[in-house]
Amino acid sequence: MKAASIDADNLCPDAVSARLQSLARTVRIFPHRRFLFLQGVPGSFFHSLGQALAKRGHSVSRVNFNGGDRMAWPSLPAIDFTGRMSDWPAFLQRLVLDQMPTDIILHGDCRPLHRVAIDLAKRRGITVHVFEEGYLRPDWITLEVGGVNGHSGLPRSASTYRAASNGLPAQPLNEHVPPSMRNRARDCILYGAACVALQSWFPRYATHRGWSLAHEATGWIKRAIRTPLAIRRSQNAIRTAFAAAGGFFVLPIQMDNDSQILCHSDLGGMMHAIHLVVASFARNAAPDAVLVVKEHPLDNGVIDWRGVTRAAAREAGIEDRVVLVEHCDLQRLLDRTRGLVTVNSTSATFALACGVPVIGLGRSVYDLPGLTDQGTLEAFWRTPAPPDAGLFEAFRRVLAHACLLRGDFFTPEGVTRAVANSIPRIEAARDSATRIDDLLHPRIAVSVA
């Protein structure tokens, strides 16, 4: 990296901030901007998006933190960060002073590296575009300015969604598509292999996921080996649930290192959530009801969820009323369940679309009066409140307008569509709250691309 064009040592922080914000405002007068990419999902999406922005005359560069990042960014300008996490704030400060980016693009706003970047961007007047898996699935991705999930600017008022949805086109309820693992697994394996191959170049990189690549690889291998047995166990568990005279409820397991669990809930982890929900079920649900704990389709096998679930059921004295389903399309359970309990999983939106009662234990964009049950978990087992279908349709319409894009991160067709749909949203640089306000106050609205 060339020397910074501003000597930060000779400027006080307030002076640097004021100068950078002034420059940021000035540069937005011109159509071409300077985009700095940080970490994305494994695969080609970020590089394809960078190429598309470069073709439109924008300046594009990226920071590589490991070999996987380097492999996924083969032909555009990049800078390697090979230091420790403690070195990152100063490195980023120098990079911002040197390149003067107008925008930062990243995937996931809770990674430690990204939190530092977002905090700096707020002080410097830099727009941050955050990608995430779609709030609604399949066929959607999320793009918000500033933050997603618990950091989103989406409204928390049901009446706002109802009012803003007027005049928006209906969003078709897509046929449920079970998660396809092949492309995602391929991209993750290639990313991990590149991380290992170039580990000597990035010796201090520490993944945000909480486990080493070797540990995760071992977990995936174990999970693959036990798959035939897990499928048979799952079929037995489903039969038990379907035969329950009091019906059954579903608790989907979320990834224990997911930012939704770590940053947007107060439960301290998925294992604690399982113990809490099982204990409540034992005390309050009908004695002939069953609780189905559903394993995440992308679980890496590091945590023995079967053991965790059995221990929770044993402690609550209801071992015969709690079952673990390791392999099953969620839709099969939603078609028959009495309700879904979640921390803040996006699987809840599948349930809401099916009219299934949902209660959330964490913070999520869909946890609204009229959509999710706003009562206590204790009462939910006896009288779960179904969602308002009209409100859910309004919610879908507004999300599609404000922060969702058609496409996906892992298939060639999905990436092409996602890139094409991202460009106008990125260039408009309008946050979700503003895009929704445009609907409520059309007379003062500007571009809503």
Protein backbone atom coordinates (compact mmCIF):
# COMPACT_ATOMS: atom_id res chain seq x y z
CA MET A 1 0.00 0.00 0.00
CA LYS A 2 1.37 3.44 -0.87
CA ALA A 3 1.90 6.05 1.80
CA ALA A 4 -1.19 7.80 3.12
CA SER A 5 -1.85 11.15 1.49
CA ILE A 6 -2.88 12.71 4.82
CA ASP A 7 -0.53 12.59 7.80
CA ALA A 8 -2.87 11.51 10.58
CA ASP A 9 -0.16 12.05 13.22
CA ASN A 10 -0.19 15.79 12.55
CA LEU A 11 -3.96 16.17 12.70
CA CYS A 12 -6.17 15.85 15.75
CA PRO A 13 -9.00 13.28 15.45
CA ASP A 14 -11.68 15.97 15.15
CA ALA A 15 -9.80 17.70 12.35
CA VAL A 16 -9.32 14.43 10.47
CA SER A 17 -13.01 13.60 10.88
CA ALA A 18 -14.15 17.02 9.69
CA ARG A 19 -11.84 16.92 6.68
CA LEU A 20 -12.94 13.46 5.65
CA GLN A 21 -16.64 14.24 6.05
CA SER A 22 -16.22 17.35 3.94
CA LEU A 23 -14.49 15.37 1.23
CA ALA A 24 -17.18 12.68 1.40
CA ARG A 25 -19.92 15.25 0.87
CA THR A 26 -18.03 16.81 -2.00
CA VAL A 27 -17.40 13.56 -3.83
CA ARG A 28 -21.12 12.74 -3.89
CA ILE A 29 -21.65 15.65 -6.27
CA PHE A 30 -19.99 13.50 -8.92
CA PRO A 31 -21.47 10.29 -10.35
CA HIS A 32 -18.39 8.13 -9.74
CA ARG A 33 -17.57 6.91 -6.26
CA ARG A 34 -14.83 4.96 -4.49
CA PHE A 35 -15.93 1.58 -3.11
CA LEU A 36 -13.94 -0.37 -0.55
CA PHE A 37 -14.98 -4.01 -0.18
CA LEU A 38 -14.36 -5.98 3.00
CA GLN A 39 -15.34 -9.61 3.65
CA GLY A 40 -18.18 -11.29 1.78
CA VAL A 41 -19.68 -14.73 1.40
CA PRO A 42 -17.51 -17.46 -0.13
CA GLY A 43 -17.91 -17.50 -3.89
CA SER A 44 -17.99 -15.08 -6.79
CA PHE A 45 -20.67 -12.60 -5.72
CA PHE A 46 -18.45 -9.82 -4.35
CA HIS A 47 -16.00 -9.97 -7.24
CA SER A 48 -18.85 -9.92 -9.78
CA LEU A 49 -20.37 -6.93 -7.99
CA GLY A 50 -17.01 -5.16 -7.94
CA GLN A 51 -16.57 -5.76 -11.68
CA ALA A 52 -20.03 -4.35 -12.37
CA LEU A 53 -19.33 -1.21 -10.34
CA ALA A 54 -15.94 -0.75 -12.03
CA LYS A 55 -17.60 -0.99 -15.47
CA ARG A 56 -19.83 1.90 -14.45
CA GLY A 57 -16.76 4.06 -13.81
CA HIS A 58 -16.49 3.69 -10.05
CA SER A 59 -13.21 3.03 -8.25
CA VAL A 60 -13.18 -0.41 -6.63
CA SER A 61 -10.74 -2.07 -4.22
CA ARG A 62 -10.82 -4.67 -1.48
CA VAL A 63 -9.04 -5.66 1.71
CA ASN A 64 -8.06 -9.34 1.80
CA PHE A 65 -7.85 -10.88 5.26
CA ASN A 66 -7.03 -14.47 4.30
CA GLY A 67 -6.32 -16.74 1.36
CA GLY A 68 -10.01 -17.32 0.70
CA ASP A 69 -10.59 -13.59 0.27
CA ARG A 70 -7.63 -13.41 -2.11
CA MET A 71 -8.85 -16.34 -4.22
CA ALA A 72 -12.35 -14.83 -4.48
CA TRP A 73 -11.00 -11.46 -5.71
CA PRO A 74 -8.75 -12.42 -8.63
CA SER A 75 -8.62 -9.42 -10.96
CA LEU A 76 -9.44 -6.18 -9.15
CA PRO A 77 -7.24 -3.96 -6.95
CA ALA A 78 -6.76 -5.28 -3.43
CA ILE A 79 -4.69 -4.76 -0.30
CA ASP A 80 -3.69 -7.62 2.01
CA PHE A 81 -4.11 -7.10 5.75
CA THR A 82 -1.69 -9.49 7.43
CA GLY A 83 -1.66 -8.05 10.93
CA ARG A 84 -3.42 -8.92 14.15
CA MET A 85 -6.93 -7.85 15.03
CA SER A 86 -5.43 -5.22 17.33
CA ASP A 87 -3.63 -3.73 14.30
CA TRP A 88 -6.79 -3.42 12.21
CA PRO A 89 -8.14 -0.04 13.44
CA ALA A 90 -4.89 1.79 12.71
CA PHE A 91 -4.48 -0.01 9.37
CA LEU A 92 -8.02 0.91 8.33
CA GLN A 93 -7.53 4.49 9.42
CA ARG A 94 -4.44 4.80 7.20
CA LEU A 95 -6.26 3.11 4.32
CA VAL A 96 -9.23 5.47 4.61
CA LEU A 97 -6.94 8.48 4.71
CA ASP A 98 -5.13 7.20 1.63
CA GLN A 99 -8.00 6.00 -0.55
CA MET A 100 -10.78 8.30 0.68
CA PRO A 101 -13.55 5.75 0.02
CA THR A 102 -17.05 7.13 -0.30
CA ASP A 103 -18.62 3.72 0.35
CA ILE A 104 -17.79 0.46 2.12
CA ILE A 105 -19.41 -2.83 1.08
CA LEU A 106 -19.42 -5.88 3.38
CA HIS A 107 -21.39 -8.99 4.29
CA GLY A 108 -22.57 -9.27 7.89
CA ASP A 109 -22.29 -6.31 10.24
CA CYS A 110 -21.35 -8.15 13.44
CA ARG A 111 -17.94 -9.55 12.47
CA PRO A 112 -15.32 -7.86 14.67
CA LEU A 113 -13.43 -6.55 11.64
CA HIS A 114 -16.62 -5.09 10.24
CA ARG A 115 -17.74 -3.49 13.48
CA VAL A 116 -14.50 -1.49 13.53
CA ALA A 117 -15.08 -0.44 9.92
CA ILE A 118 -18.71 0.55 10.50
CA ASP A 119 -17.81 2.64 13.55
CA LEU A 120 -15.08 4.42 11.60
CA ALA A 121 -17.40 4.95 8.62
CA LYS A 122 -20.02 6.61 10.82
CA ARG A 123 -17.42 9.06 12.11
CA ARG A 124 -16.12 9.78 8.62
CA GLY A 125 -19.41 10.13 6.74
CA ILE A 126 -18.77 6.98 4.67
CA THR A 127 -21.82 5.03 3.47
CA VAL A 128 -21.82 1.37 4.52
CA HIS A 129 -23.73 -1.16 2.42
CA VAL A 130 -24.41 -4.38 4.33
CA PHE A 131 -25.37 -7.62 2.59
CA GLU A 132 -26.94 -10.53 4.41
CA GLU A 133 -28.99 -13.63 3.69
CA GLY A 134 -32.56 -12.68 2.79
CA TYR A 135 -35.01 -11.80 5.56
CA LEU A 136 -37.47 -13.66 3.33
CA ARG A 137 -36.42 -16.81 1.50
CA PRO A 138 -35.87 -18.30 -1.00
CA ASP A 139 -34.76 -16.14 -3.94
CA TRP A 140 -33.99 -13.01 -1.92
CA ILE A 141 -30.90 -11.40 -0.47
CA THR A 142 -30.82 -8.48 1.96
CA LEU A 143 -29.04 -5.17 1.31
CA GLU A 144 -29.31 -2.34 3.81
CA VAL A 145 -27.41 0.86 4.39
CA GLY A 146 -25.92 1.04 7.89
CA GLY A 147 -26.84 -2.35 9.31
CA VAL A 148 -29.04 -5.44 9.20
CA ASN A 149 -31.11 -7.52 11.62
CA GLY A 150 -30.95 -5.89 15.06
CA HIS A 151 -29.00 -2.96 13.55
CA SER A 152 -31.53 -2.42 10.77
CA GLY A 153 -33.35 0.84 10.23
CA LEU A 154 -36.60 -0.99 9.47
CA PRO A 155 -39.61 0.25 11.46
CA ARG A 156 -40.84 -1.62 14.52
CA SER A 157 -44.44 -0.50 14.10
CA ALA A 158 -47.01 -2.74 12.42
CA SER A 159 -49.07 0.30 11.39
CA THR A 160 -46.13 1.69 9.44
CA TYR A 161 -45.96 -1.46 7.32
CA ARG A 162 -49.70 -1.35 6.68
CA ALA A 163 -49.59 2.29 5.60
CA ALA A 164 -46.42 1.98 3.53
CA SER A 165 -47.64 -1.11 1.65
CA ASN A 166 -50.51 0.76 -0.01
CA GLY A 167 -49.77 0.99 -3.71
CA LEU A 168 -46.90 -1.51 -3.67
CA PRO A 169 -47.33 -4.59 -5.88
CA ALA A 170 -48.10 -7.91 -4.23
CA GLN A 171 -45.09 -10.17 -3.82
CA PRO A 172 -45.75 -13.70 -5.07
CA LEU A 173 -45.48 -16.43 -2.48
CA ASN A 174 -42.76 -18.50 -4.10
CA GLU A 175 -42.96 -22.24 -3.89
CA HIS A 176 -40.78 -23.38 -1.01
CA VAL A 177 -37.37 -24.51 -2.21
CA PRO A 178 -35.41 -26.81 0.14
CA PRO A 179 -31.87 -25.51 0.74
CA SER A 180 -29.46 -26.64 -1.95
CA MET A 181 -26.08 -27.51 -0.49
CA ARG A 182 -23.95 -28.34 -3.52
CA ASN A 183 -22.86 -24.88 -4.71
CA ARG A 184 -22.64 -23.50 -1.19
CA ALA A 185 -20.55 -26.45 -0.01
CA ARG A 186 -18.27 -26.14 -3.04
CA ASP A 187 -17.65 -22.44 -2.46
CA CYS A 188 -17.02 -22.95 1.26
CA ILE A 189 -14.60 -25.82 0.64
CA LEU A 190 -12.64 -23.83 -1.95
CA TYR A 191 -12.56 -20.82 0.36
CA GLY A 192 -11.31 -22.92 3.27
CA ALA A 193 -8.70 -24.64 1.10
CA ALA A 194 -7.36 -21.26 -0.04
CA CYS A 195 -7.19 -20.10 3.58
CA VAL A 196 -5.07 -23.12 4.43
CA ALA A 197 -2.88 -22.81 1.33
CA LEU A 198 -2.04 -19.15 2.05
CA GLN A 199 -1.94 -19.36 5.83
CA SER A 200 1.75 -18.49 5.86
CA TRP A 201 0.92 -15.17 4.14
CA PHE A 202 -1.90 -14.39 6.60
CA PRO A 203 -0.51 -16.01 9.77
CA ARG A 204 -2.40 -13.81 12.22
CA TYR A 205 -5.88 -14.09 10.72
CA ALA A 206 -8.53 -15.18 13.22
CA THR A 207 -11.92 -16.19 11.85
CA HIS A 208 -15.06 -14.65 13.31
CA ARG A 209 -16.72 -18.08 13.31
CA GLY A 210 -15.18 -19.18 16.61
CA TRP A 211 -13.72 -22.50 15.42
CA SER A 212 -10.60 -23.27 13.43
CA LEU A 213 -10.94 -24.59 9.90
CA ALA A 214 -9.56 -27.94 11.04
CA HIS A 215 -12.14 -28.18 13.81
CA GLU A 216 -14.99 -27.34 11.46
CA ALA A 217 -13.71 -29.75 8.80
CA THR A 218 -13.65 -32.56 11.37
CA GLY A 219 -17.23 -31.72 12.33
CA TRP A 220 -18.41 -31.81 8.72
CA ILE A 221 -16.75 -35.18 8.17
CA LYS A 222 -18.41 -36.62 11.28
CA ARG A 223 -21.76 -35.24 10.20
CA ALA A 224 -21.40 -36.74 6.73
CA ILE A 225 -20.49 -40.16 8.15
CA ARG A 226 -23.52 -40.29 10.40
CA THR A 227 -25.97 -38.98 7.79
CA PRO A 228 -27.62 -42.35 6.92
CA LEU A 229 -28.26 -43.09 10.59
CA ALA A 230 -29.39 -39.50 11.23
CA ILE A 231 -31.95 -39.76 8.43
CA ARG A 232 -33.43 -42.92 9.92
CA ARG A 233 -33.54 -41.33 13.38
CA SER A 234 -35.21 -38.27 11.92
CA GLN A 235 -37.94 -40.32 10.27
CA ASN A 236 -38.69 -42.00 13.62
CA ALA A 237 -38.77 -38.63 15.37
CA ILE A 238 -41.17 -37.19 12.77
CA ARG A 239 -43.50 -40.16 13.19
CA THR A 240 -43.50 -39.57 16.95
CA ALA A 241 -44.37 -35.90 16.45
CA PHE A 242 -47.11 -36.53 13.90
CA ALA A 243 -48.69 -39.14 16.18
CA ALA A 244 -48.84 -36.87 19.25
CA ALA A 245 -52.42 -36.42 20.40
CA GLY A 246 -51.66 -32.89 21.60
CA GLY A 247 -49.84 -31.92 18.42
CA PHE A 248 -46.26 -30.69 18.27
CA PHE A 249 -44.23 -27.49 18.34
CA VAL A 250 -40.97 -26.77 16.49
CA LEU A 251 -37.77 -25.20 17.80
CA PRO A 252 -35.28 -24.61 14.95
CA ILE A 253 -31.64 -24.67 16.00
CA GLN A 254 -29.63 -21.68 14.85
CA MET A 255 -25.88 -21.71 14.31
CA ASP A 256 -24.35 -21.21 17.75
CA ASN A 257 -21.80 -18.74 16.37
CA ASP A 258 -24.41 -16.83 14.35
CA SER A 259 -24.47 -13.11 15.02
CA GLN A 260 -28.22 -13.39 15.45
CA ILE A 261 -27.58 -15.48 18.57
CA LEU A 262 -24.48 -13.67 19.79
CA CYS A 263 -25.46 -10.06 19.08
CA HIS A 264 -29.24 -9.93 18.78
CA SER A 265 -30.37 -11.99 21.74
CA ASP A 266 -29.65 -12.11 25.45
CA LEU A 267 -29.73 -15.89 25.82
CA GLY A 268 -25.98 -16.48 25.72
CA GLY A 269 -26.07 -19.18 23.06
CA MET A 270 -28.23 -21.81 21.40
CA MET A 271 -27.51 -24.49 24.00
CA HIS A 272 -28.94 -22.29 26.73
CA ALA A 273 -31.94 -21.50 24.50
CA ILE A 274 -32.69 -25.23 24.10
CA HIS A 275 -32.57 -25.82 27.85
CA LEU A 276 -34.80 -22.79 28.48
CA VAL A 277 -37.42 -23.77 25.88
CA VAL A 278 -37.50 -27.45 26.90
CA ALA A 279 -37.95 -26.53 30.56
CA SER A 280 -40.80 -24.14 29.73
CA PHE A 281 -42.42 -26.76 27.51
CA ALA A 282 -42.27 -29.32 30.31
CA ARG A 283 -43.96 -26.98 32.77
CA ASN A 284 -46.63 -25.45 30.55
CA ALA A 285 -47.45 -27.49 27.42
CA ALA A 286 -50.20 -30.06 27.28
CA PRO A 287 -48.95 -33.42 28.60
CA ASP A 288 -49.70 -35.13 25.28
CA ALA A 289 -47.83 -32.54 23.13
CA VAL A 290 -44.36 -33.06 21.64
CA LEU A 291 -41.49 -30.62 21.05
CA VAL A 292 -39.47 -31.08 17.86
CA VAL A 293 -35.97 -29.61 17.95
CA LYS A 294 -34.90 -29.14 14.31
CA GLU A 295 -31.19 -29.13 13.43
CA HIS A 296 -29.92 -26.39 11.11
CA PRO A 297 -29.32 -27.67 7.53
CA LEU A 298 -25.90 -25.97 7.50
CA ASP A 299 -24.81 -27.14 10.94
CA ASN A 300 -21.12 -28.03 10.92
CA GLY A 301 -21.36 -30.96 13.34
CA VAL A 302 -19.03 -29.38 15.92
CA ILE A 303 -21.69 -29.34 18.66
CA ASP A 304 -23.50 -32.56 19.60
CA TRP A 305 -27.04 -31.20 19.39
CA ARG A 306 -28.48 -34.65 19.94
CA GLY A 307 -26.67 -34.84 23.26
CA VAL A 308 -27.67 -31.28 24.18
CA THR A 309 -31.33 -31.96 23.40
CA ARG A 310 -31.42 -35.26 25.29
CA ALA A 311 -29.76 -33.68 28.33
CA ALA A 312 -32.30 -30.83 28.37
CA ALA A 313 -35.22 -33.27 28.07
CA ARG A 314 -33.77 -35.49 30.80
CA GLU A 315 -33.34 -32.56 33.18
CA ALA A 316 -36.96 -31.52 32.54
CA GLY A 317 -38.24 -35.09 33.00
CA ILE A 318 -39.83 -35.32 29.53
CA GLU A 319 -37.43 -37.51 27.54
CA ASP A 320 -40.36 -39.17 25.72
CA ARG A 321 -41.83 -35.82 24.60
CA VAL A 322 -38.78 -34.12 23.02
CA VAL A 323 -37.34 -35.33 19.72
CA LEU A 324 -34.45 -34.13 17.54
CA VAL A 325 -34.90 -34.02 13.77
CA GLU A 326 -31.49 -33.90 12.09
CA HIS A 327 -32.52 -34.16 8.43
CA CYS A 328 -35.87 -32.88 7.19
CA ASP A 329 -37.25 -30.09 5.02
CA LEU A 330 -38.70 -27.56 7.45
CA GLN A 331 -41.82 -27.21 5.31
CA ARG A 332 -42.84 -30.77 6.14
CA LEU A 333 -43.00 -29.82 9.81
CA LEU A 334 -44.65 -26.44 9.21
CA ASP A 335 -47.52 -28.11 7.38
CA ARG A 336 -48.54 -29.87 10.62
CA THR A 337 -47.12 -27.94 13.58
CA ARG A 338 -49.10 -25.99 16.18
CA GLY A 339 -46.43 -23.32 16.48
CA LEU A 340 -42.77 -22.39 16.10
CA VAL A 341 -40.51 -21.10 18.87
CA THR A 342 -37.33 -19.35 17.77
CA VAL A 343 -34.69 -17.02 19.06
CA ASN A 344 -34.65 -14.94 15.86
CA SER A 345 -34.22 -17.39 12.98
CA THR A 346 -35.38 -16.37 9.50
CA SER A 347 -37.13 -19.76 9.37
CA ALA A 348 -39.86 -17.90 11.25
CA THR A 349 -40.79 -16.07 8.04
CA PHE A 350 -41.53 -19.44 6.41
CA ALA A 351 -43.84 -20.21 9.33
CA LEU A 352 -45.54 -16.81 9.18
CA ALA A 353 -46.15 -17.24 5.45
CA CYS A 354 -47.92 -20.53 6.26
CA GLY A 355 -50.04 -18.96 8.98
CA VAL A 356 -48.17 -20.79 11.75
CA PRO A 357 -48.01 -19.06 15.16
CA VAL A 358 -44.50 -17.85 15.99
CA ILE A 359 -42.92 -16.55 19.17
CA GLY A 360 -39.45 -14.97 19.18
CA LEU A 361 -37.06 -14.90 22.12
CA GLY A 362 -34.54 -12.48 20.61
CA ARG A 363 -34.59 -9.35 18.47
CA SER A 364 -35.63 -9.63 14.83
CA VAL A 365 -37.15 -7.49 12.09
CA TYR A 366 -40.30 -9.64 11.96
CA ASP A 367 -41.07 -9.55 15.70
CA LEU A 368 -44.06 -7.23 15.38
CA PRO A 369 -47.46 -7.12 17.12
CA GLY A 370 -49.85 -8.94 14.83
CA LEU A 371 -47.12 -11.06 13.25
CA THR A 372 -45.51 -12.87 16.17
CA ASP A 373 -47.12 -13.84 19.44
CA GLN A 374 -46.37 -11.00 21.86
CA GLY A 375 -47.32 -12.93 24.98
CA THR A 376 -45.17 -15.09 27.22
CA LEU A 377 -43.56 -18.36 26.25
CA GLU A 378 -45.49 -20.02 29.06
CA ALA A 379 -48.82 -18.99 27.51
CA PHE A 380 -47.72 -19.78 23.95
CA TRP A 381 -47.77 -23.54 24.55
CA ARG A 382 -51.48 -23.43 25.38
CA THR A 383 -52.87 -20.62 23.21
CA PRO A 384 -50.46 -19.68 20.39
CA ALA A 385 -51.62 -16.59 18.48
CA PRO A 386 -51.60 -16.98 14.66
CA PRO A 387 -50.19 -14.19 12.48
CA ASP A 388 -52.35 -11.62 10.73
CA ALA A 389 -52.20 -12.64 7.06
CA GLY A 390 -52.86 -9.10 5.85
CA LEU A 391 -50.06 -7.70 7.98
CA PHE A 392 -47.64 -10.35 6.75
CA GLU A 393 -48.47 -9.46 3.14
CA ALA A 394 -47.85 -5.77 3.93
CA PHE A 395 -44.59 -6.73 5.65
CA ARG A 396 -43.47 -8.70 2.57
CA ARG A 397 -44.28 -5.87 0.19
CA VAL A 398 -42.45 -3.23 2.22
CA LEU A 399 -39.37 -5.41 2.78
CA ALA A 400 -39.15 -6.16 -0.93
CA HIS A 401 -39.20 -2.43 -1.63
CA ALA A 402 -36.93 -1.32 1.20
CA CYS A 403 -34.14 -3.86 1.56
CA LEU A 404 -34.62 -7.10 -0.39
CA LEU A 405 -33.22 -7.99 -3.80
CA ARG A 406 -34.00 -10.91 -6.07
CA GLY A 407 -31.09 -13.33 -6.42
CA ASP A 408 -28.77 -15.45 -4.32
CA PHE A 409 -25.08 -15.71 -3.44
CA PHE A 410 -24.25 -19.21 -4.66
CA THR A 411 -25.74 -20.07 -8.07
CA PRO A 412 -24.53 -18.48 -11.36
CA GLU A 413 -28.05 -17.33 -12.23
CA GLY A 414 -28.69 -16.06 -8.72
CA VAL A 415 -25.41 -14.13 -8.58
CA THR A 416 -26.07 -12.50 -11.97
CA ARG A 417 -29.53 -11.42 -10.84
CA ALA A 418 -28.32 -10.24 -7.43
CA VAL A 419 -25.53 -8.12 -8.95
CA ALA A 420 -27.87 -6.50 -11.48
CA ASN A 421 -30.41 -5.69 -8.77
CA SER A 422 -27.77 -4.43 -6.32
CA ILE A 423 -26.24 -1.76 -8.57
CA PRO A 424 -29.13 0.75 -8.55
CA ARG A 425 -29.69 0.28 -4.82
CA ILE A 426 -26.00 0.84 -4.06
CA GLU A 427 -25.77 3.90 -6.27
CA ALA A 428 -28.92 5.35 -4.70
CA ALA A 429 -27.43 4.75 -1.19
CA ARG A 430 -30.76 5.22 0.58
CA ASP A 431 -31.36 3.42 3.86
CA SER A 432 -34.46 1.36 4.58
CA ALA A 433 -36.09 3.99 6.76
CA THR A 434 -35.75 6.61 4.02
CA ARG A 435 -37.08 4.29 1.32
CA ILE A 436 -40.12 3.56 3.48
CA ASP A 437 -40.57 7.24 4.30
CA ASP A 438 -40.66 7.89 0.55
CA LEU A 439 -43.76 5.68 0.41
CA LEU A 440 -45.44 7.49 3.30
CA HIS A 441 -44.61 10.98 2.00
CA PRO A 442 -44.50 10.69 -1.81
CA ARG A 443 -44.64 14.46 -2.38
CA ILE A 444 -41.14 14.92 -0.99
CA ALA A 445 -39.75 11.64 -2.32
CA VAL A 446 -36.72 11.56 -4.55
CA SER A 447 -35.28 8.51 -6.32
CA VAL A 448 -36.46 5.21 -4.83
CA ALA A 449 -34.36 2.98 -7.09
